[in-house]
Structures are given as structure tokens and as C-alpha cells.
């Protein structure tokens, strides 16, 4: 049974740092094979129904124009998501090209809002008049133009965003894919370029982190400890970036907790740097005790990739690094 760095005096941690790095890494758990569905997850059946509506309205993509795309979206709002998937654009990207190509200005926030509204309520009809309707109409018309044009010629060191099996040659590519299906190798290649579930993972990134933060809240509440859970971009005196938890209050911080989950070693390094910065902030001058204690609660395989980064985090927190598997010891060992 390994001894964790928070269970022994810090002098021992300092002398046997590699053993304690291994102990923390041994209990890190990865959740990259599963993720929260969230409220905005669209089932494949719903997506396919919208695709078939779009295909029917455009007569197998042979009559792809703004009005036909708009009729499909009005009948099946998720068709809007299908069109965006065909373009291969994010909502802000679609908003930008629409603003450039049309007389209608579509902000990034507006595009995200339309996209989110559809994902949250796939069966609710979109407005048929007003500003939002005008934006959707302009986006549909712009999409029709771009999909009809297909990929344009680029220089040797560039690749066009529409150089995909279903959009490379404009309507000819779309009709071919609709009639014959996509070659499996090409489908796999495009998945490789785009990462399966990438957009969904981005949309529920906060929910992934919430699992760890909820566990921390339960541990603190069970122990009867007063705490403040800070919000995104919240301003806290004395901190250029607010920690995730402050105990007991923002006016009298005695303990700060950073909750971090990452599956990527590069992102892990950034999060370790953040914790090291908190360590520097707590110093109150030579010979004076630290202003507060720093605790790190971490998860995901990213933190286990670079042992040197884990060593830095253990030193920055004086051994106070916890994972989901030993979070029940956080209160007693800090």
C-alpha cells in the first residue's frame, strides 16, 4: 500500500519525491472512454431524420438552394445542425462567412445561441419571423452557396476546408455521397481529421470538470466546512485568477483548492503551472508563515504523462495532491 504525500511529513516527501509521484499517478483514473451526455446531446435517430428531410427537400441535393434548406430547417430544426456538419464549420465560423457574404450581420454569440437552442430542444420549431429568423435565412443561403461552389483551388501548402468527400466537387460530391454512400476508408479518414465526438466533448467540457468539483463539495459539506465555490471569471481580491474553492471565505482565505481534470499532457502542464502560481501567491514575505494552504484535486491520465510535472505539483502543494480515489482523506490530511 503506497503512502501518499499528504499522509507523511513534508520532509519525507521531499526526500522520496519519486515514490510519492508514483503513488499519486497510480490512482489517477481516466474517463476519456465515457463522457456526460448533457442536455444538448442529439441522438443519431434524430440526426438521421433531419438528414432525410434535408435530402428530400433538396431532391437528393440536386436542388440545393437557400429556400429549400430553410424549408428543411423549419420542418426539422436539427437539419440546421446537419447543414453545419456538411460544411464542417463551427457556429462562429458559419456566422463569420454569413456576415461577409450577405447583407445580414450574424454575431458569434447569435450563431452559438441558435445552435444551442436546437440541440437543447430538437423538436421545438424555430421562429418564422424576427431577427433570429433573418439570421437563419441568411445562414441557409450562405451555406447553399458554399456547398454549391465546393472547394476552390489552393496553393501547394494549403488545404481547403471543403476538400472533403461530400463537398469537394460541390453538388456533384453531395449527390454522389447521397446516392452511393461514403467509402469507408474516406469516412475513417475524415473521422481521423475531426476526432469523433469532438464537438460534443467541447460542449460538455464543464460537465466533465463538474464531476470532480461535486465530489469536493460533498467532502467539504460532510465535514461541515464553510467554503466558497468561485464562478468563471469571478474577481477575488489578491488573486489574478480565482481558485476553484476558497475556505472559509474570499475575505479570509486559509485554504484554496484547484480542481483539474485533463486527458492531455500539454494541458496538464498548464494546470500545474497554475498551481505553482498559487504557491507563489501564498508567500507573505521572508520568515513569515504562508497566507494560505494550496490543495490540488486532480483527475485524468494527462497528469500521469510527465512525472516531472507531477513532482512540481507535489512540491507546490507541500504534498497536498488528491484524486477521486482518495478524496475522502482530503479534510483529515490538510
C-alpha atoms as a PDB file:
ATOM      1  CA  UNK A   1       0.000   0.000   0.000  1.00  0.00           C
ATOM      2  CA  UNK A   2       1.748   3.208  -1.133  1.00  0.00           C
ATOM      3  CA  UNK A   3       1.998   6.167   1.207  1.00  0.00           C
ATOM      4  CA  UNK A   4       0.555   9.262  -0.358  1.00  0.00           C
ATOM      5  CA  UNK A   5       2.410  12.573   0.039  1.00  0.00           C
ATOM      6  CA  UNK A   6      -0.399  14.077   2.110  1.00  0.00           C
ATOM      7  CA  UNK A   7      -0.090  11.255   4.678  1.00  0.00           C
ATOM      8  CA  UNK A   8       3.528  11.887   5.712  1.00  0.00           C
ATOM      9  CA  UNK A   9       5.610  14.880   6.870  1.00  0.00           C
ATOM     10  CA  UNK A  10       6.759  17.074   4.013  1.00  0.00           C
ATOM     11  CA  UNK A  11      10.425  16.376   4.807  1.00  0.00           C
ATOM     12  CA  UNK A  12       9.776  12.746   3.886  1.00  0.00           C
ATOM     13  CA  UNK A  13       8.018  13.816   0.708  1.00  0.00           C
ATOM     14  CA  UNK A  14      10.992  15.960  -0.256  1.00  0.00           C
ATOM     15  CA  UNK A  15      13.454  13.107   0.316  1.00  0.00           C
ATOM     16  CA  UNK A  16      11.416  10.467  -1.530  1.00  0.00           C
ATOM     17  CA  UNK A  17       9.654  12.588  -4.113  1.00  0.00           C
ATOM     18  CA  UNK A  18       9.715   9.970  -6.902  1.00  0.00           C
ATOM     19  CA  UNK A  19       7.971   7.394  -4.704  1.00  0.00           C
ATOM     20  CA  UNK A  20       5.210   9.866  -3.972  1.00  0.00           C
ATOM     21  CA  UNK A  21       4.911  10.841  -7.629  1.00  0.00           C
ATOM     22  CA  UNK A  22       4.373   7.157  -8.417  1.00  0.00           C
ATOM     23  CA  UNK A  23       1.793   6.860  -5.621  1.00  0.00           C
ATOM     24  CA  UNK A  24      -0.333   9.718  -6.982  1.00  0.00           C
ATOM     25  CA  UNK A  25      -0.016   8.524 -10.587  1.00  0.00           C
ATOM     26  CA  UNK A  26      -1.109   5.020  -9.564  1.00  0.00           C
ATOM     27  CA  UNK A  27      -4.551   6.227  -8.511  1.00  0.00           C
ATOM     28  CA  UNK A  28      -5.299   8.599 -11.368  1.00  0.00           C
ATOM     29  CA  UNK A  29      -8.309   7.488 -13.357  1.00  0.00           C
ATOM     30  CA  UNK A  30      -9.144   8.355 -16.936  1.00  0.00           C
ATOM     31  CA  UNK A  31     -12.674   8.907 -18.183  1.00  0.00           C
ATOM     32  CA  UNK A  32     -11.956   9.583 -21.836  1.00  0.00           C
ATOM     33  CA  UNK A  33     -13.895   6.492 -22.970  1.00  0.00           C
ATOM     34  CA  UNK A  34     -17.074   7.887 -21.487  1.00  0.00           C
ATOM     35  CA  UNK A  35     -18.410  11.400 -21.103  1.00  0.00           C
ATOM     36  CA  UNK A  36     -21.573  13.099 -19.880  1.00  0.00           C
ATOM     37  CA  UNK A  37     -24.417  13.134 -22.389  1.00  0.00           C
ATOM     38  CA  UNK A  38     -25.509  16.585 -21.279  1.00  0.00           C
ATOM     39  CA  UNK A  39     -28.854  18.106 -22.176  1.00  0.00           C
ATOM     40  CA  UNK A  40     -27.749  19.030 -25.685  1.00  0.00           C
ATOM     41  CA  UNK A  41     -26.805  15.565 -26.968  1.00  0.00           C
ATOM     42  CA  UNK A  42     -28.584  14.700 -30.240  1.00  0.00           C
ATOM     43  CA  UNK A  43     -29.408  11.030 -30.779  1.00  0.00           C
ATOM     44  CA  UNK A  44     -28.388   9.539 -34.109  1.00  0.00           C
ATOM     45  CA  UNK A  45     -32.001   8.745 -34.990  1.00  0.00           C
ATOM     46  CA  UNK A  46     -32.961  12.403 -34.597  1.00  0.00           C
ATOM     47  CA  UNK A  47     -29.963  13.469 -36.674  1.00  0.00           C
ATOM     48  CA  UNK A  48     -30.751  10.946 -39.417  1.00  0.00           C
ATOM     49  CA  UNK A  49     -34.412  12.003 -39.580  1.00  0.00           C
ATOM     50  CA  UNK A  50     -33.291  15.595 -40.133  1.00  0.00           C
ATOM     51  CA  UNK A  51     -30.786  14.477 -42.766  1.00  0.00           C
ATOM     52  CA  UNK A  52     -33.513  12.599 -44.660  1.00  0.00           C
ATOM     53  CA  UNK A  53     -35.756  15.673 -44.502  1.00  0.00           C
ATOM     54  CA  UNK A  54     -32.927  17.763 -45.924  1.00  0.00           C
ATOM     55  CA  UNK A  55     -32.255  15.205 -48.631  1.00  0.00           C
ATOM     56  CA  UNK A  56     -35.951  15.091 -49.569  1.00  0.00           C
ATOM     57  CA  UNK A  57     -36.380  18.875 -49.662  1.00  0.00           C
ATOM     58  CA  UNK A  58     -33.356  19.263 -51.961  1.00  0.00           C
ATOM     59  CA  UNK A  59     -34.288  16.276 -54.155  1.00  0.00           C
ATOM     60  CA  UNK A  60     -31.184  14.333 -53.245  1.00  0.00           C
ATOM     61  CA  UNK A  61     -29.105  17.561 -53.059  1.00  0.00           C
ATOM     62  CA  UNK A  62     -29.691  18.253 -56.746  1.00  0.00           C
ATOM     63  CA  UNK A  63     -31.729  21.392 -55.907  1.00  0.00           C
ATOM     64  CA  UNK A  64     -29.664  22.783 -53.076  1.00  0.00           C
ATOM     65  CA  UNK A  65     -30.590  26.410 -52.511  1.00  0.00           C
ATOM     66  CA  UNK A  66     -31.396  28.711 -49.621  1.00  0.00           C
ATOM     67  CA  UNK A  67     -35.203  28.304 -49.655  1.00  0.00           C
ATOM     68  CA  UNK A  68     -35.015  24.500 -49.772  1.00  0.00           C
ATOM     69  CA  UNK A  69     -32.510  24.390 -46.913  1.00  0.00           C
ATOM     70  CA  UNK A  70     -34.695  26.783 -44.939  1.00  0.00           C
ATOM     71  CA  UNK A  71     -37.808  24.639 -45.511  1.00  0.00           C
ATOM     72  CA  UNK A  72     -35.934  21.616 -44.197  1.00  0.00           C
ATOM     73  CA  UNK A  73     -34.831  23.524 -41.091  1.00  0.00           C
ATOM     74  CA  UNK A  74     -38.374  24.763 -40.494  1.00  0.00           C
ATOM     75  CA  UNK A  75     -39.705  21.208 -40.734  1.00  0.00           C
ATOM     76  CA  UNK A  76     -36.857  19.600 -38.769  1.00  0.00           C
ATOM     77  CA  UNK A  77     -34.766  22.121 -36.796  1.00  0.00           C
ATOM     78  CA  UNK A  78     -31.919  19.608 -36.411  1.00  0.00           C
ATOM     79  CA  UNK A  79     -31.414  19.965 -40.176  1.00  0.00           C
ATOM     80  CA  UNK A  80     -29.600  23.180 -39.222  1.00  0.00           C
ATOM     81  CA  UNK A  81     -27.034  21.029 -37.354  1.00  0.00           C
ATOM     82  CA  UNK A  82     -26.851  18.643 -40.319  1.00  0.00           C
ATOM     83  CA  UNK A  83     -26.050  21.536 -42.664  1.00  0.00           C
ATOM     84  CA  UNK A  84     -23.322  22.758 -40.320  1.00  0.00           C
ATOM     85  CA  UNK A  85     -21.873  19.248 -40.223  1.00  0.00           C
ATOM     86  CA  UNK A  86     -21.836  19.184 -44.028  1.00  0.00           C
ATOM     87  CA  UNK A  87     -19.953  22.481 -44.049  1.00  0.00           C
ATOM     88  CA  UNK A  88     -17.577  21.266 -41.349  1.00  0.00           C
ATOM     89  CA  UNK A  89     -17.824  24.655 -39.612  1.00  0.00           C
ATOM     90  CA  UNK A  90     -18.212  25.716 -36.000  1.00  0.00           C
ATOM     91  CA  UNK A  91     -21.156  28.062 -35.270  1.00  0.00           C
ATOM     92  CA  UNK A  92     -18.841  31.137 -35.109  1.00  0.00           C
ATOM     93  CA  UNK A  93     -17.246  30.193 -38.447  1.00  0.00           C
ATOM     94  CA  UNK A  94     -20.630  29.883 -40.103  1.00  0.00           C
ATOM     95  CA  UNK A  95     -21.624  33.229 -38.595  1.00  0.00           C
ATOM     96  CA  UNK A  96     -18.488  34.889 -39.975  1.00  0.00           C
ATOM     97  CA  UNK A  97     -18.865  33.706 -43.571  1.00  0.00           C
ATOM     98  CA  UNK A  98     -22.554  34.644 -43.486  1.00  0.00           C
ATOM     99  CA  UNK A  99     -21.743  38.165 -42.336  1.00  0.00           C
ATOM    100  CA  UNK A 100     -19.090  38.506 -45.049  1.00  0.00           C
ATOM    101  CA  UNK A 101     -21.207  37.064 -47.877  1.00  0.00           C
ATOM    102  CA  UNK A 102     -24.645  38.504 -47.085  1.00  0.00           C
ATOM    103  CA  UNK A 103     -26.310  41.727 -46.007  1.00  0.00           C
ATOM    104  CA  UNK A 104     -27.151  40.195 -42.633  1.00  0.00           C
ATOM    105  CA  UNK A 105     -24.803  40.504 -39.683  1.00  0.00           C
ATOM    106  CA  UNK A 106     -24.647  37.333 -37.572  1.00  0.00           C
ATOM    107  CA  UNK A 107     -22.586  37.542 -34.406  1.00  0.00           C
ATOM    108  CA  UNK A 108     -20.738  34.556 -32.993  1.00  0.00           C
ATOM    109  CA  UNK A 109     -22.938  34.647 -29.916  1.00  0.00           C
ATOM    110  CA  UNK A 110     -26.090  34.611 -32.012  1.00  0.00           C
ATOM    111  CA  UNK A 111     -24.875  31.609 -34.009  1.00  0.00           C
ATOM    112  CA  UNK A 112     -23.962  29.727 -30.842  1.00  0.00           C
ATOM    113  CA  UNK A 113     -27.358  30.595 -29.388  1.00  0.00           C
ATOM    114  CA  UNK A 114     -29.265  29.220 -32.387  1.00  0.00           C
ATOM    115  CA  UNK A 115     -27.157  26.076 -32.412  1.00  0.00           C
ATOM    116  CA  UNK A 116     -27.608  25.518 -28.673  1.00  0.00           C
ATOM    117  CA  UNK A 117     -31.363  26.179 -28.774  1.00  0.00           C
ATOM    118  CA  UNK A 118     -31.772  23.455 -31.392  1.00  0.00           C
ATOM    119  CA  UNK A 119     -29.600  20.967 -29.521  1.00  0.00           C
ATOM    120  CA  UNK A 120     -31.448  21.590 -26.262  1.00  0.00           C
ATOM    121  CA  UNK A 121     -34.928  21.361 -27.841  1.00  0.00           C
ATOM    122  CA  UNK A 122     -34.693  19.462 -31.155  1.00  0.00           C
ATOM    123  CA  UNK A 123     -38.459  19.290 -31.653  1.00  0.00           C
ATOM    124  CA  UNK A 124     -39.256  22.963 -30.975  1.00  0.00           C
ATOM    125  CA  UNK A 125     -39.896  24.956 -34.130  1.00  0.00           C
ATOM    126  CA  UNK A 126     -37.636  27.915 -34.873  1.00  0.00           C
ATOM    127  CA  UNK A 127     -39.135  31.428 -35.206  1.00  0.00           C
ATOM    128  CA  UNK A 128     -40.525  32.238 -38.646  1.00  0.00           C
ATOM    129  CA  UNK A 129     -40.049  35.985 -38.338  1.00  0.00           C
ATOM    130  CA  UNK A 130     -37.881  38.483 -36.492  1.00  0.00           C
ATOM    131  CA  UNK A 131     -34.112  38.906 -36.138  1.00  0.00           C
ATOM    132  CA  UNK A 132     -33.377  35.235 -35.438  1.00  0.00           C
ATOM    133  CA  UNK A 133     -35.387  34.157 -38.478  1.00  0.00           C
ATOM    134  CA  UNK A 134     -33.476  36.641 -40.656  1.00  0.00           C
ATOM    135  CA  UNK A 135     -30.172  35.258 -39.392  1.00  0.00           C
ATOM    136  CA  UNK A 136     -31.169  31.646 -40.034  1.00  0.00           C
ATOM    137  CA  UNK A 137     -32.334  32.560 -43.525  1.00  0.00           C
ATOM    138  CA  UNK A 138     -29.034  34.283 -44.298  1.00  0.00           C
ATOM    139  CA  UNK A 139     -27.034  31.367 -42.896  1.00  0.00           C
ATOM    140  CA  UNK A 140     -29.043  28.903 -45.011  1.00  0.00           C
ATOM    141  CA  UNK A 141     -28.484  30.932 -48.163  1.00  0.00           C
ATOM    142  CA  UNK A 142     -24.756  31.238 -47.434  1.00  0.00           C
ATOM    143  CA  UNK A 143     -24.483  27.505 -46.782  1.00  0.00           C
ATOM    144  CA  UNK A 144     -26.194  26.771 -50.098  1.00  0.00           C
ATOM    145  CA  UNK A 145     -23.726  28.990 -51.935  1.00  0.00           C
ATOM    146  CA  UNK A 146     -20.667  27.458 -50.273  1.00  0.00           C
ATOM    147  CA  UNK A 147     -21.823  23.857 -50.708  1.00  0.00           C
ATOM    148  CA  UNK A 148     -22.654  24.512 -54.354  1.00  0.00           C
ATOM    149  CA  UNK A 149     -19.239  26.037 -55.016  1.00  0.00           C
ATOM    150  CA  UNK A 150     -17.278  23.242 -53.341  1.00  0.00           C
ATOM    151  CA  UNK A 151     -13.561  23.517 -52.650  1.00  0.00           C
ATOM    152  CA  UNK A 152     -11.667  26.209 -54.518  1.00  0.00           C
ATOM    153  CA  UNK A 153      -8.094  25.888 -55.682  1.00  0.00           C
ATOM    154  CA  UNK A 154      -5.415  26.463 -53.040  1.00  0.00           C
ATOM    155  CA  UNK A 155      -1.634  26.720 -53.010  1.00  0.00           C
ATOM    156  CA  UNK A 156       0.547  23.677 -52.539  1.00  0.00           C
ATOM    157  CA  UNK A 157       0.995  24.200 -48.803  1.00  0.00           C
ATOM    158  CA  UNK A 158      -2.694  24.775 -48.029  1.00  0.00           C
ATOM    159  CA  UNK A 159      -5.849  22.659 -47.880  1.00  0.00           C
ATOM    160  CA  UNK A 160      -9.379  23.940 -48.386  1.00  0.00           C
ATOM    161  CA  UNK A 161     -11.904  23.301 -45.625  1.00  0.00           C
ATOM    162  CA  UNK A 162     -14.354  21.866 -48.155  1.00  0.00           C
ATOM    163  CA  UNK A 163     -11.852  19.318 -49.507  1.00  0.00           C
ATOM    164  CA  UNK A 164     -13.986  16.524 -48.084  1.00  0.00           C
ATOM    165  CA  UNK A 165     -15.600  13.539 -49.758  1.00  0.00           C
ATOM    166  CA  UNK A 166     -19.069  15.094 -49.630  1.00  0.00           C
ATOM    167  CA  UNK A 167     -18.243  18.712 -50.562  1.00  0.00           C
ATOM    168  CA  UNK A 168     -15.076  18.752 -52.661  1.00  0.00           C
ATOM    169  CA  UNK A 169     -16.828  18.998 -56.049  1.00  0.00           C
ATOM    170  CA  UNK A 170     -19.874  20.941 -54.903  1.00  0.00           C
ATOM    171  CA  UNK A 171     -23.260  19.408 -55.681  1.00  0.00           C
ATOM    172  CA  UNK A 172     -21.707  16.529 -57.639  1.00  0.00           C
ATOM    173  CA  UNK A 173     -19.964  15.313 -54.469  1.00  0.00           C
ATOM    174  CA  UNK A 174     -23.097  15.688 -52.364  1.00  0.00           C
ATOM    175  CA  UNK A 175     -25.280  13.791 -54.852  1.00  0.00           C
ATOM    176  CA  UNK A 176     -22.708  11.008 -55.166  1.00  0.00           C
ATOM    177  CA  UNK A 177     -22.462  10.538 -51.405  1.00  0.00           C
ATOM    178  CA  UNK A 178     -26.261  10.603 -51.042  1.00  0.00           C
ATOM    179  CA  UNK A 179     -26.768   8.023 -53.787  1.00  0.00           C
ATOM    180  CA  UNK A 180     -23.857   5.629 -53.269  1.00  0.00           C
ATOM    181  CA  UNK A 181     -22.774   6.165 -49.686  1.00  0.00           C
ATOM    182  CA  UNK A 182     -19.357   7.247 -48.451  1.00  0.00           C
ATOM    183  CA  UNK A 183     -16.355   4.899 -48.951  1.00  0.00           C
ATOM    184  CA  UNK A 184     -15.471   3.509 -45.522  1.00  0.00           C
ATOM    185  CA  UNK A 185     -11.778   4.435 -45.789  1.00  0.00           C
ATOM    186  CA  UNK A 186     -12.720   8.053 -46.564  1.00  0.00           C
ATOM    187  CA  UNK A 187     -15.179   8.124 -43.671  1.00  0.00           C
ATOM    188  CA  UNK A 188     -12.481   6.843 -41.308  1.00  0.00           C
ATOM    189  CA  UNK A 189     -10.016   9.395 -42.663  1.00  0.00           C
ATOM    190  CA  UNK A 190     -12.409  12.271 -42.025  1.00  0.00           C
ATOM    191  CA  UNK A 191     -13.055  10.983 -38.528  1.00  0.00           C
ATOM    192  CA  UNK A 192      -9.296  10.952 -38.004  1.00  0.00           C
ATOM    193  CA  UNK A 193      -9.088  14.590 -39.076  1.00  0.00           C
ATOM    194  CA  UNK A 194     -12.016  15.694 -36.952  1.00  0.00           C
ATOM    195  CA  UNK A 195     -11.904  13.394 -33.892  1.00  0.00           C
ATOM    196  CA  UNK A 196     -15.173  11.570 -33.106  1.00  0.00           C
ATOM    197  CA  UNK A 197     -17.348  13.382 -30.547  1.00  0.00           C
ATOM    198  CA  UNK A 198     -15.030  16.439 -30.676  1.00  0.00           C
ATOM    199  CA  UNK A 199     -17.843  18.994 -30.841  1.00  0.00           C
ATOM    200  CA  UNK A 200     -19.888  17.216 -28.198  1.00  0.00           C
ATOM    201  CA  UNK A 201     -16.878  16.935 -25.890  1.00  0.00           C
ATOM    202  CA  UNK A 202     -16.243  20.655 -26.263  1.00  0.00           C
ATOM    203  CA  UNK A 203     -19.870  21.443 -25.462  1.00  0.00           C
ATOM    204  CA  UNK A 204     -19.863  19.416 -22.225  1.00  0.00           C
ATOM    205  CA  UNK A 205     -16.312  20.255 -21.082  1.00  0.00           C
ATOM    206  CA  UNK A 206     -17.682  21.982 -17.984  1.00  0.00           C
ATOM    207  CA  UNK A 207     -19.721  18.897 -17.053  1.00  0.00           C
ATOM    208  CA  UNK A 208     -16.553  16.768 -17.164  1.00  0.00           C
ATOM    209  CA  UNK A 209     -14.939  19.048 -14.582  1.00  0.00           C
ATOM    210  CA  UNK A 210     -18.142  19.214 -12.536  1.00  0.00           C
ATOM    211  CA  UNK A 211     -17.813  15.547 -11.513  1.00  0.00           C
ATOM    212  CA  UNK A 212     -14.654  16.330  -9.536  1.00  0.00           C
ATOM    213  CA  UNK A 213     -15.969  19.595  -8.138  1.00  0.00           C
ATOM    214  CA  UNK A 214     -19.162  17.914  -6.931  1.00  0.00           C
ATOM    215  CA  UNK A 215     -17.056  15.305  -5.108  1.00  0.00           C
ATOM    216  CA  UNK A 216     -15.074  18.095  -3.426  1.00  0.00           C
ATOM    217  CA  UNK A 217     -18.266  19.881  -2.384  1.00  0.00           C
ATOM    218  CA  UNK A 218     -19.621  16.671  -0.853  1.00  0.00           C
ATOM    219  CA  UNK A 219     -16.417  16.126   1.144  1.00  0.00           C
ATOM    220  CA  UNK A 220     -16.414  19.687   2.475  1.00  0.00           C
ATOM    221  CA  UNK A 221     -20.129  19.701   3.263  1.00  0.00           C
ATOM    222  CA  UNK A 222     -19.902  16.345   5.051  1.00  0.00           C
ATOM    223  CA  UNK A 223     -17.144  17.757   7.267  1.00  0.00           C
ATOM    224  CA  UNK A 224     -19.151  20.919   7.990  1.00  0.00           C
ATOM    225  CA  UNK A 225     -16.540  23.189   6.394  1.00  0.00           C
ATOM    226  CA  UNK A 226     -17.537  26.625   5.143  1.00  0.00           C
ATOM    227  CA  UNK A 227     -16.372  27.262   1.602  1.00  0.00           C
ATOM    228  CA  UNK A 228     -16.900  29.433  -1.458  1.00  0.00           C
ATOM    229  CA  UNK A 229     -17.059  27.867  -4.913  1.00  0.00           C
ATOM    230  CA  UNK A 230     -15.992  30.575  -7.322  1.00  0.00           C
ATOM    231  CA  UNK A 231     -17.568  31.180 -10.700  1.00  0.00           C
ATOM    232  CA  UNK A 232     -15.928  31.523 -14.082  1.00  0.00           C
ATOM    233  CA  UNK A 233     -14.002  34.812 -14.397  1.00  0.00           C
ATOM    234  CA  UNK A 234     -15.012  35.785 -10.844  1.00  0.00           C
ATOM    235  CA  UNK A 235     -12.829  38.545  -9.405  1.00  0.00           C
ATOM    236  CA  UNK A 236     -11.346  37.724  -5.991  1.00  0.00           C
ATOM    237  CA  UNK A 237      -9.094  40.226  -4.162  1.00  0.00           C
ATOM    238  CA  UNK A 238      -5.499  39.000  -4.018  1.00  0.00           C
ATOM    239  CA  UNK A 239      -5.854  36.562  -6.907  1.00  0.00           C
ATOM    240  CA  UNK A 240      -5.329  37.379 -10.571  1.00  0.00           C
ATOM    241  CA  UNK A 241      -7.339  34.232 -11.317  1.00  0.00           C
ATOM    242  CA  UNK A 242      -9.738  32.884  -8.712  1.00  0.00           C
ATOM    243  CA  UNK A 243      -9.104  29.356  -7.366  1.00  0.00           C
ATOM    244  CA  UNK A 244     -11.979  26.886  -7.735  1.00  0.00           C
ATOM    245  CA  UNK A 245     -12.647  26.782  -3.976  1.00  0.00           C
ATOM    246  CA  UNK A 246     -11.725  29.179  -1.166  1.00  0.00           C
ATOM    247  CA  UNK A 247     -12.044  28.268   2.521  1.00  0.00           C
ATOM    248  CA  UNK A 248     -13.642  29.770   4.533  1.00  0.00           C
ATOM    249  CA  UNK A 249     -14.290  32.977   2.525  1.00  0.00           C
ATOM    250  CA  UNK A 250     -12.837  35.242  -0.147  1.00  0.00           C
ATOM    251  CA  UNK A 251     -12.090  37.827   2.567  1.00  0.00           C
ATOM    252  CA  UNK A 252     -10.132  35.415   4.753  1.00  0.00           C
ATOM    253  CA  UNK A 253      -8.626  32.645   2.596  1.00  0.00           C
ATOM    254  CA  UNK A 254      -6.969  29.948   4.668  1.00  0.00           C
ATOM    255  CA  UNK A 255      -7.152  27.135   2.113  1.00  0.00           C
ATOM    256  CA  UNK A 256      -7.555  27.263  -1.661  1.00  0.00           C
ATOM    257  CA  UNK A 257      -8.403  24.242  -3.795  1.00  0.00           C
ATOM    258  CA  UNK A 258      -7.788  23.814  -7.512  1.00  0.00           C
ATOM    259  CA  UNK A 259      -9.841  21.052  -9.194  1.00  0.00           C
ATOM    260  CA  UNK A 260      -8.352  19.978 -12.504  1.00  0.00           C
ATOM    261  CA  UNK A 261      -9.144  17.139 -14.924  1.00  0.00           C
ATOM    262  CA  UNK A 262      -7.213  16.593 -18.139  1.00  0.00           C
ATOM    263  CA  UNK A 263      -6.508  13.740 -20.530  1.00  0.00           C
ATOM    264  CA  UNK A 264      -3.748  15.663 -22.318  1.00  0.00           C
ATOM    265  CA  UNK A 265      -0.193  16.100 -21.044  1.00  0.00           C
ATOM    266  CA  UNK A 266       0.177  19.550 -22.586  1.00  0.00           C
ATOM    267  CA  UNK A 267      -2.938  20.800 -20.834  1.00  0.00           C
ATOM    268  CA  UNK A 268      -1.750  19.130 -17.625  1.00  0.00           C
ATOM    269  CA  UNK A 269       1.448  21.155 -17.764  1.00  0.00           C
ATOM    270  CA  UNK A 270      -0.559  24.377 -17.998  1.00  0.00           C
ATOM    271  CA  UNK A 271      -2.642  23.371 -14.988  1.00  0.00           C
ATOM    272  CA  UNK A 272       0.489  22.531 -12.970  1.00  0.00           C
ATOM    273  CA  UNK A 273       1.828  25.999 -13.789  1.00  0.00           C
ATOM    274  CA  UNK A 274      -1.418  27.450 -12.437  1.00  0.00           C
ATOM    275  CA  UNK A 275      -0.960  25.589  -9.145  1.00  0.00           C
ATOM    276  CA  UNK A 276       2.679  26.710  -8.913  1.00  0.00           C
ATOM    277  CA  UNK A 277       1.461  30.296  -9.339  1.00  0.00           C
ATOM    278  CA  UNK A 278      -0.895  29.870  -6.376  1.00  0.00           C
ATOM    279  CA  UNK A 279       2.067  28.608  -4.362  1.00  0.00           C
ATOM    280  CA  UNK A 280       3.911  31.842  -5.103  1.00  0.00           C
ATOM    281  CA  UNK A 281       0.874  33.943  -4.217  1.00  0.00           C
ATOM    282  CA  UNK A 282       0.603  32.424  -0.776  1.00  0.00           C
ATOM    283  CA  UNK A 283       4.077  33.573   0.274  1.00  0.00           C
ATOM    284  CA  UNK A 284       3.842  36.508   2.698  1.00  0.00           C
ATOM    285  CA  UNK A 285       7.491  37.535   2.817  1.00  0.00           C
ATOM    286  CA  UNK A 286      10.711  36.044   4.275  1.00  0.00           C
ATOM    287  CA  UNK A 287      10.286  34.481   7.701  1.00  0.00           C
ATOM    288  CA  UNK A 288       6.510  34.853   7.692  1.00  0.00           C
ATOM    289  CA  UNK A 289       4.065  31.925   7.510  1.00  0.00           C
ATOM    290  CA  UNK A 290       2.218  31.326   4.223  1.00  0.00           C
ATOM    291  CA  UNK A 291      -1.038  33.228   3.811  1.00  0.00           C
ATOM    292  CA  UNK A 292      -2.982  30.103   2.875  1.00  0.00           C
ATOM    293  CA  UNK A 293      -2.633  26.414   2.072  1.00  0.00           C
ATOM    294  CA  UNK A 294      -2.832  25.160  -1.520  1.00  0.00           C
ATOM    295  CA  UNK A 295      -4.580  21.873  -2.340  1.00  0.00           C
ATOM    296  CA  UNK A 296      -4.781  20.216  -5.756  1.00  0.00           C
ATOM    297  CA  UNK A 297      -7.555  17.750  -6.647  1.00  0.00           C
ATOM    298  CA  UNK A 298      -6.836  16.149  -9.998  1.00  0.00           C
ATOM    299  CA  UNK A 299      -8.122  13.538 -12.419  1.00  0.00           C
ATOM    300  CA  UNK A 300      -7.417  12.165 -15.887  1.00  0.00           C
ATOM    301  CA  UNK A 301      -4.470  10.423 -17.477  1.00  0.00           C
ATOM    302  CA  UNK A 302      -2.833  13.691 -18.567  1.00  0.00           C
ATOM    303  CA  UNK A 303      -1.259  14.297 -15.170  1.00  0.00           C
ATOM    304  CA  UNK A 304       0.457  10.902 -15.237  1.00  0.00           C
ATOM    305  CA  UNK A 305       2.296  11.509 -18.520  1.00  0.00           C
ATOM    306  CA  UNK A 306       5.002  13.843 -17.244  1.00  0.00           C
ATOM    307  CA  UNK A 307       6.491  12.722 -13.935  1.00  0.00           C
ATOM    308  CA  UNK A 308       8.443  15.987 -13.668  1.00  0.00           C
ATOM    309  CA  UNK A 309       5.195  17.972 -13.741  1.00  0.00           C
ATOM    310  CA  UNK A 310       3.678  15.790 -11.032  1.00  0.00           C
ATOM    311  CA  UNK A 311       6.799  16.397  -8.927  1.00  0.00           C
ATOM    312  CA  UNK A 312       6.365  20.164  -9.341  1.00  0.00           C
ATOM    313  CA  UNK A 313       2.715  19.948  -8.267  1.00  0.00           C
ATOM    314  CA  UNK A 314       3.527  17.884  -5.179  1.00  0.00           C
ATOM    315  CA  UNK A 315       6.203  20.384  -4.160  1.00  0.00           C
ATOM    316  CA  UNK A 316       3.938  23.382  -4.836  1.00  0.00           C
ATOM    317  CA  UNK A 317       1.195  21.952  -2.606  1.00  0.00           C
ATOM    318  CA  UNK A 318       3.580  20.513   0.018  1.00  0.00           C
ATOM    319  CA  UNK A 319       2.224  17.072  -0.779  1.00  0.00           C
ATOM    320  CA  UNK A 320      -1.463  18.015  -0.787  1.00  0.00           C
ATOM    321  CA  UNK A 321      -2.444  16.357  -4.089  1.00  0.00           C
ATOM    322  CA  UNK A 322      -5.642  14.282  -4.120  1.00  0.00           C
ATOM    323  CA  UNK A 323      -7.531  12.219  -6.684  1.00  0.00           C
ATOM    324  CA  UNK A 324     -11.116  10.974  -6.737  1.00  0.00           C
ATOM    325  CA  UNK A 325      -9.988   7.688  -5.219  1.00  0.00           C
ATOM    326  CA  UNK A 326      -8.541   9.278  -2.077  1.00  0.00           C
ATOM    327  CA  UNK A 327     -10.590  12.463  -1.837  1.00  0.00           C
ATOM    328  CA  UNK A 328     -12.169  11.106   1.355  1.00  0.00           C
ATOM    329  CA  UNK A 329      -8.817  11.817   3.081  1.00  0.00           C
ATOM    330  CA  UNK A 330      -8.606  15.450   1.983  1.00  0.00           C
ATOM    331  CA  UNK A 331     -10.127  17.010   5.088  1.00  0.00           C
ATOM    332  CA  UNK A 332      -8.230  14.900   7.619  1.00  0.00           C
ATOM    333  CA  UNK A 333      -4.858  15.283   5.856  1.00  0.00           C
ATOM    334  CA  UNK A 334      -4.892  19.043   5.333  1.00  0.00           C
END
